[in-house]
Amino acid sequence: MAIALACKRLVQEGKLAKSPVSRQIAAVSVGVVGSEVLLDLDYSEDKDAEVDLNLVMTADLDFIELQASGEESVFGGEQLEKMIEYGRRGIKELVLKQEQLLSLH
């Protein structure tokens, strides 16, 4: 967000012809704690997570990074799909908030 806002301002001030920011991205953390999939883990949840997944995506929901690890247990395809779906929901929310903030400036 900071880079997008700074570039937008530089364009408005005529210091840049166009913004070098080509797309929006967002990142979320998803994990399994007590056999329950959770989005946006806080520290206490993250340190106790059985499975941890970091997800970075574009606003179009294309993957930039997908990193998952079984911290305390293994996980199957069905659980991975559920974590990715929770992550997508979180990415959509963040992208919407980014768009709202960008439209205010």
C-alpha atoms as a PDB file:
ATOM      1  CA  MET A   1       0.000   0.000   0.000  1.00  0.00           C
ATOM      2  CA  ALA A   2       2.718   2.466   0.919  1.00  0.00           C
ATOM      3  CA  ILE A   3       4.459   2.043  -2.429  1.00  0.00           C
ATOM      4  CA  ALA A   4       1.194   2.330  -4.372  1.00  0.00           C
ATOM      5  CA  LEU A   5       0.227   5.495  -2.492  1.00  0.00           C
ATOM      6  CA  ALA A   6       3.692   7.027  -2.920  1.00  0.00           C
ATOM      7  CA  CYS A   7       3.722   6.294  -6.653  1.00  0.00           C
ATOM      8  CA  LYS A   8       0.197   7.658  -7.056  1.00  0.00           C
ATOM      9  CA  ARG A   9       1.290  10.879  -5.391  1.00  0.00           C
ATOM     10  CA  LEU A  10       4.396  11.137  -7.582  1.00  0.00           C
ATOM     11  CA  VAL A  11       2.214  10.765 -10.679  1.00  0.00           C
ATOM     12  CA  GLN A  12      -0.157  13.444  -9.372  1.00  0.00           C
ATOM     13  CA  GLU A  13       2.818  15.760  -8.758  1.00  0.00           C
ATOM     14  CA  GLY A  14       4.129  15.110 -12.275  1.00  0.00           C
ATOM     15  CA  LYS A  15       7.312  13.474 -11.013  1.00  0.00           C
ATOM     16  CA  LEU A  16       6.392  10.168 -12.652  1.00  0.00           C
ATOM     17  CA  ALA A  17       4.691   9.740 -16.014  1.00  0.00           C
ATOM     18  CA  LYS A  18       2.880   6.646 -14.757  1.00  0.00           C
ATOM     19  CA  SER A  19       2.996   4.424 -11.728  1.00  0.00           C
ATOM     20  CA  PRO A  20       5.392   1.488 -11.885  1.00  0.00           C
ATOM     21  CA  VAL A  21       2.955  -0.476  -9.719  1.00  0.00           C
ATOM     22  CA  SER A  22       1.402  -2.938 -12.150  1.00  0.00           C
ATOM     23  CA  ARG A  23      -0.954  -4.891  -9.885  1.00  0.00           C
ATOM     24  CA  GLN A  24      -2.240  -5.270  -6.377  1.00  0.00           C
ATOM     25  CA  ILE A  25      -1.036  -8.091  -4.192  1.00  0.00           C
ATOM     26  CA  ALA A  26      -1.899  -9.261  -0.693  1.00  0.00           C
ATOM     27  CA  ALA A  27      -0.623 -11.861   1.746  1.00  0.00           C
ATOM     28  CA  VAL A  28      -2.244 -13.869   4.512  1.00  0.00           C
ATOM     29  CA  SER A  29      -1.360 -16.538   7.013  1.00  0.00           C
ATOM     30  CA  VAL A  30      -3.587 -19.568   7.447  1.00  0.00           C
ATOM     31  CA  GLY A  31      -3.076 -22.356   9.922  1.00  0.00           C
ATOM     32  CA  VAL A  32      -4.539 -25.365  11.604  1.00  0.00           C
ATOM     33  CA  VAL A  33      -4.856 -25.037  15.368  1.00  0.00           C
ATOM     34  CA  GLY A  34      -6.645 -27.733  17.327  1.00  0.00           C
ATOM     35  CA  SER A  35      -7.750 -29.325  14.035  1.00  0.00           C
ATOM     36  CA  GLU A  36      -9.530 -26.072  13.058  1.00  0.00           C
ATOM     37  CA  VAL A  37      -8.504 -23.978  10.041  1.00  0.00           C
ATOM     38  CA  LEU A  38      -7.931 -20.339  11.007  1.00  0.00           C
ATOM     39  CA  LEU A  39      -7.217 -17.244   8.922  1.00  0.00           C
ATOM     40  CA  ASP A  40      -4.807 -14.514  10.024  1.00  0.00           C
ATOM     41  CA  LEU A  41      -3.266 -16.246  12.999  1.00  0.00           C
ATOM     42  CA  ASP A  42      -2.131 -14.158  15.932  1.00  0.00           C
ATOM     43  CA  TYR A  43       1.133 -15.001  17.707  1.00  0.00           C
ATOM     44  CA  SER A  44      -0.357 -17.402  20.252  1.00  0.00           C
ATOM     45  CA  GLU A  45      -2.201 -19.316  17.517  1.00  0.00           C
ATOM     46  CA  ASP A  46       0.788 -19.315  15.169  1.00  0.00           C
ATOM     47  CA  LYS A  47       3.195 -20.718  17.748  1.00  0.00           C
ATOM     48  CA  ASP A  48       0.790 -23.590  18.463  1.00  0.00           C
ATOM     49  CA  ALA A  49      -0.232 -24.258  14.853  1.00  0.00           C
ATOM     50  CA  GLU A  50      -0.172 -27.844  13.691  1.00  0.00           C
ATOM     51  CA  VAL A  51       0.019 -26.674  10.072  1.00  0.00           C
ATOM     52  CA  ASP A  52       1.125 -23.262   8.814  1.00  0.00           C
ATOM     53  CA  LEU A  53       0.440 -21.807   5.361  1.00  0.00           C
ATOM     54  CA  ASN A  54       1.601 -18.480   3.944  1.00  0.00           C
ATOM     55  CA  LEU A  55      -0.163 -17.272   0.838  1.00  0.00           C
ATOM     56  CA  VAL A  56       0.628 -14.322  -1.443  1.00  0.00           C
ATOM     57  CA  MET A  57      -1.707 -13.653  -4.372  1.00  0.00           C
ATOM     58  CA  THR A  58      -2.602 -11.006  -6.916  1.00  0.00           C
ATOM     59  CA  ALA A  59      -5.941  -9.213  -6.867  1.00  0.00           C
ATOM     60  CA  ASP A  60      -7.013 -11.671  -9.596  1.00  0.00           C
ATOM     61  CA  LEU A  61      -6.247 -14.526  -7.155  1.00  0.00           C
ATOM     62  CA  ASP A  62      -3.221 -15.774  -9.080  1.00  0.00           C
ATOM     63  CA  PHE A  63      -0.531 -17.306  -6.873  1.00  0.00           C
ATOM     64  CA  ILE A  64       2.727 -15.506  -6.179  1.00  0.00           C
ATOM     65  CA  GLU A  65       3.781 -17.639  -3.230  1.00  0.00           C
ATOM     66  CA  LEU A  66       2.327 -20.663  -1.513  1.00  0.00           C
ATOM     67  CA  GLN A  67       4.278 -22.119   1.388  1.00  0.00           C
ATOM     68  CA  ALA A  68       2.830 -24.717   3.724  1.00  0.00           C
ATOM     69  CA  SER A  69       4.449 -26.865   6.346  1.00  0.00           C
ATOM     70  CA  GLY A  70       3.310 -29.420   8.842  1.00  0.00           C
ATOM     71  CA  GLU A  71       4.722 -27.895  12.006  1.00  0.00           C
ATOM     72  CA  GLU A  72       3.349 -30.495  14.388  1.00  0.00           C
ATOM     73  CA  SER A  73       1.509 -32.877  12.072  1.00  0.00           C
ATOM     74  CA  VAL A  74       1.009 -33.859   8.461  1.00  0.00           C
ATOM     75  CA  PHE A  75      -1.854 -32.584   6.302  1.00  0.00           C
ATOM     76  CA  GLY A  76      -3.730 -33.951   3.320  1.00  0.00           C
ATOM     77  CA  GLY A  77      -5.008 -32.507   0.062  1.00  0.00           C
ATOM     78  CA  GLU A  78      -8.482 -31.827   1.403  1.00  0.00           C
ATOM     79  CA  GLN A  79      -7.097 -29.850   4.330  1.00  0.00           C
ATOM     80  CA  LEU A  80      -4.742 -27.958   1.976  1.00  0.00           C
ATOM     81  CA  GLU A  81      -7.675 -27.036  -0.280  1.00  0.00           C
ATOM     82  CA  LYS A  82      -9.615 -25.733   2.729  1.00  0.00           C
ATOM     83  CA  MET A  83      -6.635 -23.632   3.871  1.00  0.00           C
ATOM     84  CA  ILE A  84      -6.212 -22.198   0.367  1.00  0.00           C
ATOM     85  CA  GLU A  85      -9.936 -21.341   0.232  1.00  0.00           C
ATOM     86  CA  TYR A  86      -9.699 -19.516   3.591  1.00  0.00           C
ATOM     87  CA  GLY A  87      -6.624 -17.735   2.249  1.00  0.00           C
ATOM     88  CA  ARG A  88      -8.436 -16.665  -0.916  1.00  0.00           C
ATOM     89  CA  ARG A  89     -11.243 -15.179   1.172  1.00  0.00           C
ATOM     90  CA  GLY A  90      -8.706 -13.227   3.208  1.00  0.00           C
ATOM     91  CA  ILE A  91      -6.915 -12.012   0.072  1.00  0.00           C
ATOM     92  CA  LYS A  92     -10.238 -10.818  -1.399  1.00  0.00           C
ATOM     93  CA  GLU A  93     -10.963  -8.836   1.786  1.00  0.00           C
ATOM     94  CA  LEU A  94      -7.501  -7.252   1.786  1.00  0.00           C
ATOM     95  CA  VAL A  95      -7.678  -6.328  -1.901  1.00  0.00           C
ATOM     96  CA  LEU A  96     -11.073  -4.687  -1.331  1.00  0.00           C
ATOM     97  CA  LYS A  97      -9.659  -2.657   1.567  1.00  0.00           C
ATOM     98  CA  GLN A  98      -6.653  -1.679  -0.548  1.00  0.00           C
ATOM     99  CA  GLU A  99      -8.953  -0.477  -3.338  1.00  0.00           C
ATOM    100  CA  GLN A 100     -11.006   1.532  -0.857  1.00  0.00           C
ATOM    101  CA  LEU A 101      -7.904   3.192   0.583  1.00  0.00           C
ATOM    102  CA  LEU A 102      -6.432   3.930  -2.831  1.00  0.00           C
ATOM    103  CA  SER A 103      -9.658   5.588  -3.937  1.00  0.00           C
ATOM    104  CA  LEU A 104      -9.517   7.952  -0.948  1.00  0.00           C
ATOM    105  CA  HIS A 105      -6.112   9.369  -1.889  1.00  0.00           C
END
